[in-house]
Amino acid sequence: MIFGFTEEQLAGFFLTYGVAAFILFMVFIIGHLAWQSKAGKFGTFVIFLGLGVGFLGFVAKFIIQWWLEK
């Protein structure tokens, strides 16, 4: 037990909120890179489309997991 939590509880928390925080940080980084490189509207759209597909996979994992446990 670490701080009164089991390893499973800590792993679940950080896999949920840690990965979500990492995705938000990546949005900031990619937006900053697109702005610095002057990628334009289409280039920025393509960059964020790639990040969005990964984010959809992250959300789909939770939906599928919830559906299977139901």
PDB file of N, CA and C in Angstrom:
ATOM      1  N   MET A   1       0.839  -1.184   0.000  1.00  0.00           N
ATOM      2  CA  MET A   1       0.000   0.000   0.000  1.00  0.00           C
ATOM      3  C   MET A   1       0.883   1.248   0.000  1.00  0.00           C
ATOM      4  N   ILE A   2       0.528   2.172  -0.841  1.00  0.00           N
ATOM      5  CA  ILE A   2       1.235   3.439  -0.937  1.00  0.00           C
ATOM      6  C   ILE A   2       0.225   4.540  -0.655  1.00  0.00           C
ATOM      7  N   PHE A   3       0.470   5.309   0.409  1.00  0.00           N
ATOM      8  CA  PHE A   3      -0.437   6.386   0.823  1.00  0.00           C
ATOM      9  C   PHE A   3      -1.864   5.884   1.030  1.00  0.00           C
ATOM     10  N   GLY A   4      -2.015   4.641   1.435  1.00  0.00           N
ATOM     11  CA  GLY A   4      -3.328   4.082   1.702  1.00  0.00           C
ATOM     12  C   GLY A   4      -4.048   3.548   0.478  1.00  0.00           C
ATOM     13  N   PHE A   5      -3.379   3.514  -0.657  1.00  0.00           N
ATOM     14  CA  PHE A   5      -3.979   3.000  -1.890  1.00  0.00           C
ATOM     15  C   PHE A   5      -3.238   1.753  -2.340  1.00  0.00           C
ATOM     16  N   THR A   6      -3.957   0.849  -2.963  1.00  0.00           N
ATOM     17  CA  THR A   6      -3.315  -0.345  -3.502  1.00  0.00           C
ATOM     18  C   THR A   6      -2.652  -0.006  -4.834  1.00  0.00           C
ATOM     19  N   GLU A   7      -1.810  -0.900  -5.288  1.00  0.00           N
ATOM     20  CA  GLU A   7      -1.137  -0.687  -6.569  1.00  0.00           C
ATOM     21  C   GLU A   7      -2.147  -0.633  -7.709  1.00  0.00           C
ATOM     22  N   GLU A   8      -3.178  -1.442  -7.630  1.00  0.00           N
ATOM     23  CA  GLU A   8      -4.206  -1.456  -8.674  1.00  0.00           C
ATOM     24  C   GLU A   8      -4.952  -0.122  -8.741  1.00  0.00           C
ATOM     25  N   GLN A   9      -5.263   0.459  -7.575  1.00  0.00           N
ATOM     26  CA  GLN A   9      -5.955   1.742  -7.547  1.00  0.00           C
ATOM     27  C   GLN A   9      -5.073   2.856  -8.112  1.00  0.00           C
ATOM     28  N   LEU A  10      -3.793   2.852  -7.748  1.00  0.00           N
ATOM     29  CA  LEU A  10      -2.878   3.867  -8.275  1.00  0.00           C
ATOM     30  C   LEU A  10      -2.704   3.735  -9.780  1.00  0.00           C
ATOM     31  N   ALA A  11      -2.556   2.498 -10.257  1.00  0.00           N
ATOM     32  CA  ALA A  11      -2.387   2.281 -11.693  1.00  0.00           C
ATOM     33  C   ALA A  11      -3.629   2.730 -12.459  1.00  0.00           C
ATOM     34  N   GLY A  12      -4.795   2.407 -11.938  1.00  0.00           N
ATOM     35  CA  GLY A  12      -6.037   2.827 -12.591  1.00  0.00           C
ATOM     36  C   GLY A  12      -6.176   4.330 -12.642  1.00  0.00           C
ATOM     37  N   PHE A  13      -5.815   4.998 -11.540  1.00  0.00           N
ATOM     38  CA  PHE A  13      -5.902   6.459 -11.495  1.00  0.00           C
ATOM     39  C   PHE A  13      -4.975   7.094 -12.511  1.00  0.00           C
ATOM     40  N   PHE A  14      -3.698   6.665 -12.523  1.00  0.00           N
ATOM     41  CA  PHE A  14      -2.736   7.301 -13.416  1.00  0.00           C
ATOM     42  C   PHE A  14      -2.933   6.907 -14.870  1.00  0.00           C
ATOM     43  N   LEU A  15      -3.478   5.713 -15.121  1.00  0.00           N
ATOM     44  CA  LEU A  15      -3.776   5.354 -16.509  1.00  0.00           C
ATOM     45  C   LEU A  15      -4.960   6.154 -17.039  1.00  0.00           C
ATOM     46  N   THR A  16      -5.863   6.543 -16.162  1.00  0.00           N
ATOM     47  CA  THR A  16      -7.002   7.349 -16.589  1.00  0.00           C
ATOM     48  C   THR A  16      -6.637   8.823 -16.670  1.00  0.00           C
ATOM     49  N   TYR A  17      -6.249   9.401 -15.541  1.00  0.00           N
ATOM     50  CA  TYR A  17      -6.013  10.842 -15.476  1.00  0.00           C
ATOM     51  C   TYR A  17      -4.627  11.231 -15.963  1.00  0.00           C
ATOM     52  N   GLY A  18      -3.655  10.357 -15.784  1.00  0.00           N
ATOM     53  CA  GLY A  18      -2.303  10.665 -16.259  1.00  0.00           C
ATOM     54  C   GLY A  18      -2.236  10.713 -17.780  1.00  0.00           C
ATOM     55  N   VAL A  19      -2.852   9.744 -18.429  1.00  0.00           N
ATOM     56  CA  VAL A  19      -2.859   9.729 -19.896  1.00  0.00           C
ATOM     57  C   VAL A  19      -3.698  10.881 -20.432  1.00  0.00           C
ATOM     58  N   ALA A  20      -4.806  11.193 -19.776  1.00  0.00           N
ATOM     59  CA  ALA A  20      -5.624  12.328 -20.212  1.00  0.00           C
ATOM     60  C   ALA A  20      -4.845  13.637 -20.088  1.00  0.00           C
ATOM     61  N   ALA A  21      -4.110  13.801 -18.995  1.00  0.00           N
ATOM     62  CA  ALA A  21      -3.288  15.005 -18.831  1.00  0.00           C
ATOM     63  C   ALA A  21      -2.193  15.051 -19.887  1.00  0.00           C
ATOM     64  N   PHE A  22      -1.621  13.905 -20.213  1.00  0.00           N
ATOM     65  CA  PHE A  22      -0.592  13.836 -21.249  1.00  0.00           C
ATOM     66  C   PHE A  22      -1.165  14.225 -22.611  1.00  0.00           C
ATOM     67  N   ILE A  23      -2.380  13.813 -22.904  1.00  0.00           N
ATOM     68  CA  ILE A  23      -3.025  14.176 -24.172  1.00  0.00           C
ATOM     69  C   ILE A  23      -3.232  15.693 -24.235  1.00  0.00           C
ATOM     70  N   LEU A  24      -3.686  16.288 -23.144  1.00  0.00           N
ATOM     71  CA  LEU A  24      -3.868  17.739 -23.126  1.00  0.00           C
ATOM     72  C   LEU A  24      -2.540  18.470 -23.308  1.00  0.00           C
ATOM     73  N   PHE A  25      -1.495  17.946 -22.698  1.00  0.00           N
ATOM     74  CA  PHE A  25      -0.174  18.541 -22.863  1.00  0.00           C
ATOM     75  C   PHE A  25       0.287  18.421 -24.316  1.00  0.00           C
ATOM     76  N   MET A  26      -0.014  17.289 -24.954  1.00  0.00           N
ATOM     77  CA  MET A  26       0.345  17.100 -26.361  1.00  0.00           C
ATOM     78  C   MET A  26      -0.425  18.073 -27.255  1.00  0.00           C
ATOM     79  N   VAL A  27      -1.669  18.383 -26.919  1.00  0.00           N
ATOM     80  CA  VAL A  27      -2.434  19.376 -27.680  1.00  0.00           C
ATOM     81  C   VAL A  27      -1.713  20.714 -27.644  1.00  0.00           C
ATOM     82  N   PHE A  28      -1.238  21.097 -26.460  1.00  0.00           N
ATOM     83  CA  PHE A  28      -0.497  22.345 -26.327  1.00  0.00           C
ATOM     84  C   PHE A  28       0.789  22.313 -27.149  1.00  0.00           C
ATOM     85  N   ILE A  29       1.545  21.228 -27.042  1.00  0.00           N
ATOM     86  CA  ILE A  29       2.813  21.124 -27.767  1.00  0.00           C
ATOM     87  C   ILE A  29       2.590  21.168 -29.277  1.00  0.00           C
ATOM     88  N   ILE A  30       1.635  20.398 -29.768  1.00  0.00           N
ATOM     89  CA  ILE A  30       1.381  20.344 -31.208  1.00  0.00           C
ATOM     90  C   ILE A  30       0.861  21.682 -31.717  1.00  0.00           C
ATOM     91  N   GLY A  31      -0.010  22.333 -30.934  1.00  0.00           N
ATOM     92  CA  GLY A  31      -0.487  23.656 -31.328  1.00  0.00           C
ATOM     93  C   GLY A  31       0.647  24.662 -31.394  1.00  0.00           C
ATOM     94  N   HIS A  32       1.547  24.582 -30.452  1.00  0.00           N
ATOM     95  CA  HIS A  32       2.695  25.491 -30.436  1.00  0.00           C
ATOM     96  C   HIS A  32       3.615  25.216 -31.633  1.00  0.00           C
ATOM     97  N   LEU A  33       3.845  23.931 -31.921  1.00  0.00           N
ATOM     98  CA  LEU A  33       4.677  23.588 -33.079  1.00  0.00           C
ATOM     99  C   LEU A  33       4.037  24.031 -34.387  1.00  0.00           C
ATOM    100  N   ALA A  34       2.729  23.855 -34.504  1.00  0.00           N
ATOM    101  CA  ALA A  34       2.036  24.282 -35.725  1.00  0.00           C
ATOM    102  C   ALA A  34       2.117  25.796 -35.881  1.00  0.00           C
ATOM    103  N   TRP A  35       2.011  26.519 -34.781  1.00  0.00           N
ATOM    104  CA  TRP A  35       2.082  27.974 -34.835  1.00  0.00           C
ATOM    105  C   TRP A  35       3.489  28.442 -35.187  1.00  0.00           C
ATOM    106  N   GLN A  36       4.516  27.827 -34.584  1.00  0.00           N
ATOM    107  CA  GLN A  36       5.897  28.230 -34.855  1.00  0.00           C
ATOM    108  C   GLN A  36       6.330  27.899 -36.283  1.00  0.00           C
ATOM    109  N   SER A  37       5.864  26.761 -36.799  1.00  0.00           N
ATOM    110  CA  SER A  37       6.278  26.355 -38.141  1.00  0.00           C
ATOM    111  C   SER A  37       5.430  27.007 -39.229  1.00  0.00           C
ATOM    112  N   LYS A  38       4.423  27.773 -38.821  1.00  0.00           N
ATOM    113  CA  LYS A  38       3.497  28.413 -39.771  1.00  0.00           C
ATOM    114  C   LYS A  38       2.914  27.379 -40.735  1.00  0.00           C
ATOM    115  N   ALA A  39       2.361  26.321 -40.141  1.00  0.00           N
ATOM    116  CA  ALA A  39       1.848  25.196 -40.913  1.00  0.00           C
ATOM    117  C   ALA A  39       0.630  25.563 -41.746  1.00  0.00           C
ATOM    118  N   GLY A  40      -0.058  26.588 -41.415  1.00  0.00           N
ATOM    119  CA  GLY A  40      -1.263  26.952 -42.147  1.00  0.00           C
ATOM    120  C   GLY A  40      -2.469  26.221 -41.601  1.00  0.00           C
ATOM    121  N   LYS A  41      -3.622  26.548 -42.144  1.00  0.00           N
ATOM    122  CA  LYS A  41      -4.860  25.952 -41.640  1.00  0.00           C
ATOM    123  C   LYS A  41      -4.933  24.459 -41.934  1.00  0.00           C
ATOM    124  N   PHE A  42      -4.597  24.080 -43.171  1.00  0.00           N
ATOM    125  CA  PHE A  42      -4.703  22.670 -43.534  1.00  0.00           C
ATOM    126  C   PHE A  42      -3.665  21.829 -42.797  1.00  0.00           C
ATOM    127  N   GLY A  43      -2.442  22.325 -42.700  1.00  0.00           N
ATOM    128  CA  GLY A  43      -1.391  21.589 -41.991  1.00  0.00           C
ATOM    129  C   GLY A  43      -1.725  21.413 -40.522  1.00  0.00           C
ATOM    130  N   THR A  44      -2.245  22.456 -39.904  1.00  0.00           N
ATOM    131  CA  THR A  44      -2.645  22.369 -38.500  1.00  0.00           C
ATOM    132  C   THR A  44      -3.797  21.388 -38.334  1.00  0.00           C
ATOM    133  N   PHE A  45      -4.737  21.409 -39.282  1.00  0.00           N
ATOM    134  CA  PHE A  45      -5.849  20.464 -39.237  1.00  0.00           C
ATOM    135  C   PHE A  45      -5.349  19.026 -39.313  1.00  0.00           C
ATOM    136  N   VAL A  46      -4.418  18.743 -40.193  1.00  0.00           N
ATOM    137  CA  VAL A  46      -3.889  17.387 -40.350  1.00  0.00           C
ATOM    138  C   VAL A  46      -3.156  16.957 -39.092  1.00  0.00           C
ATOM    139  N   ILE A  47      -2.378  17.860 -38.507  1.00  0.00           N
ATOM    140  CA  ILE A  47      -1.657  17.537 -37.279  1.00  0.00           C
ATOM    141  C   ILE A  47      -2.645  17.189 -36.158  1.00  0.00           C
ATOM    142  N   PHE A  48      -3.657  18.022 -35.981  1.00  0.00           N
ATOM    143  CA  PHE A  48      -4.629  17.760 -34.920  1.00  0.00           C
ATOM    144  C   PHE A  48      -5.532  16.580 -35.250  1.00  0.00           C
ATOM    145  N   LEU A  49      -5.726  16.277 -36.514  1.00  0.00           N
ATOM    146  CA  LEU A  49      -6.492  15.090 -36.892  1.00  0.00           C
ATOM    147  C   LEU A  49      -5.778  13.830 -36.413  1.00  0.00           C
ATOM    148  N   GLY A  50      -4.469  13.789 -36.581  1.00  0.00           N
ATOM    149  CA  GLY A  50      -3.702  12.639 -36.088  1.00  0.00           C
ATOM    150  C   GLY A  50      -3.805  12.496 -34.583  1.00  0.00           C
ATOM    151  N   LEU A  51      -3.719  13.599 -33.859  1.00  0.00           N
ATOM    152  CA  LEU A  51      -3.867  13.552 -32.407  1.00  0.00           C
ATOM    153  C   LEU A  51      -5.293  13.170 -32.026  1.00  0.00           C
ATOM    154  N   GLY A  52      -6.264  13.658 -32.777  1.00  0.00           N
ATOM    155  CA  GLY A  52      -7.662  13.343 -32.491  1.00  0.00           C
ATOM    156  C   GLY A  52      -7.989  11.876 -32.669  1.00  0.00           C
ATOM    157  N   VAL A  53      -7.394  11.230 -33.656  1.00  0.00           N
ATOM    158  CA  VAL A  53      -7.624   9.800 -33.864  1.00  0.00           C
ATOM    159  C   VAL A  53      -7.077   9.013 -32.673  1.00  0.00           C
ATOM    160  N   GLY A  54      -5.914   9.406 -32.190  1.00  0.00           N
ATOM    161  CA  GLY A  54      -5.367   8.758 -31.004  1.00  0.00           C
ATOM    162  C   GLY A  54      -6.233   8.990 -29.780  1.00  0.00           C
ATOM    163  N   PHE A  55      -6.762  10.192 -29.642  1.00  0.00           N
ATOM    164  CA  PHE A  55      -7.640  10.504 -28.524  1.00  0.00           C
ATOM    165  C   PHE A  55      -8.933   9.700 -28.611  1.00  0.00           C
ATOM    166  N   LEU A  56      -9.475   9.534 -29.814  1.00  0.00           N
ATOM    167  CA  LEU A  56     -10.678   8.717 -29.977  1.00  0.00           C
ATOM    168  C   LEU A  56     -10.432   7.274 -29.563  1.00  0.00           C
ATOM    169  N   GLY A  57      -9.248   6.757 -29.867  1.00  0.00           N
ATOM    170  CA  GLY A  57      -8.902   5.410 -29.425  1.00  0.00           C
ATOM    171  C   GLY A  57      -8.874   5.309 -27.911  1.00  0.00           C
ATOM    172  N   PHE A  58      -8.358   6.343 -27.256  1.00  0.00           N
ATOM    173  CA  PHE A  58      -8.311   6.381 -25.792  1.00  0.00           C
ATOM    174  C   PHE A  58      -9.724   6.382 -25.205  1.00  0.00           C
ATOM    175  N   VAL A  59     -10.607   7.177 -25.774  1.00  0.00           N
ATOM    176  CA  VAL A  59     -11.989   7.245 -25.297  1.00  0.00           C
ATOM    177  C   VAL A  59     -12.728   5.948 -25.622  1.00  0.00           C
ATOM    178  N   ALA A  60     -12.488   5.388 -26.802  1.00  0.00           N
ATOM    179  CA  ALA A  60     -13.151   4.140 -27.190  1.00  0.00           C
ATOM    180  C   ALA A  60     -12.777   3.003 -26.256  1.00  0.00           C
ATOM    181  N   LYS A  61     -11.552   3.001 -25.759  1.00  0.00           N
ATOM    182  CA  LYS A  61     -11.116   1.967 -24.823  1.00  0.00           C
ATOM    183  C   LYS A  61     -11.989   1.977 -23.577  1.00  0.00           C
ATOM    184  N   PHE A  62     -12.277   3.159 -23.052  1.00  0.00           N
ATOM    185  CA  PHE A  62     -13.100   3.246 -21.850  1.00  0.00           C
ATOM    186  C   PHE A  62     -14.548   2.865 -22.132  1.00  0.00           C
ATOM    187  N   ILE A  63     -15.049   3.223 -23.296  1.00  0.00           N
ATOM    188  CA  ILE A  63     -16.429   2.871 -23.640  1.00  0.00           C
ATOM    189  C   ILE A  63     -16.561   1.361 -23.807  1.00  0.00           C
ATOM    190  N   ILE A  64     -15.622   0.752 -24.499  1.00  0.00           N
ATOM    191  CA  ILE A  64     -15.656  -0.704 -24.689  1.00  0.00           C
ATOM    192  C   ILE A  64     -15.489  -1.417 -23.361  1.00  0.00           C
ATOM    193  N   GLN A  65     -14.588  -0.922 -22.521  1.00  0.00           N
ATOM    194  CA  GLN A  65     -14.363  -1.531 -21.208  1.00  0.00           C
ATOM    195  C   GLN A  65     -15.634  -1.444 -20.357  1.00  0.00           C
ATOM    196  N   TRP A  66     -16.289  -0.286 -20.367  1.00  0.00           N
ATOM    197  CA  TRP A  66     -17.534  -0.120 -19.614  1.00  0.00           C
ATOM    198  C   TRP A  66     -18.617  -1.050 -20.140  1.00  0.00           C
ATOM    199  N   TRP A  67     -18.708  -1.183 -21.470  1.00  0.00           N
ATOM    200  CA  TRP A  67     -19.730  -2.034 -22.075  1.00  0.00           C
ATOM    201  C   TRP A  67     -19.499  -3.501 -21.745  1.00  0.00           C
ATOM    202  N   LEU A  68     -18.250  -3.941 -21.720  1.00  0.00           N
ATOM    203  CA  LEU A  68     -17.968  -5.342 -21.410  1.00  0.00           C
ATOM    204  C   LEU A  68     -18.188  -5.667 -19.940  1.00  0.00           C
ATOM    205  N   GLU A  69     -17.976  -4.699 -19.063  1.00  0.00           N
ATOM    206  CA  GLU A  69     -18.185  -4.935 -17.626  1.00  0.00           C
ATOM    207  C   GLU A  69     -19.633  -4.831 -17.224  1.00  0.00           C
ATOM    208  N   LYS A  70     -20.458  -4.250 -18.075  1.00  0.00           N
ATOM    209  CA  LYS A  70     -21.876  -4.040 -17.783  1.00  0.00           C
ATOM    210  C   LYS A  70     -22.651  -5.308 -17.769  1.00  0.00           C
TER     211      LYS A  70
END
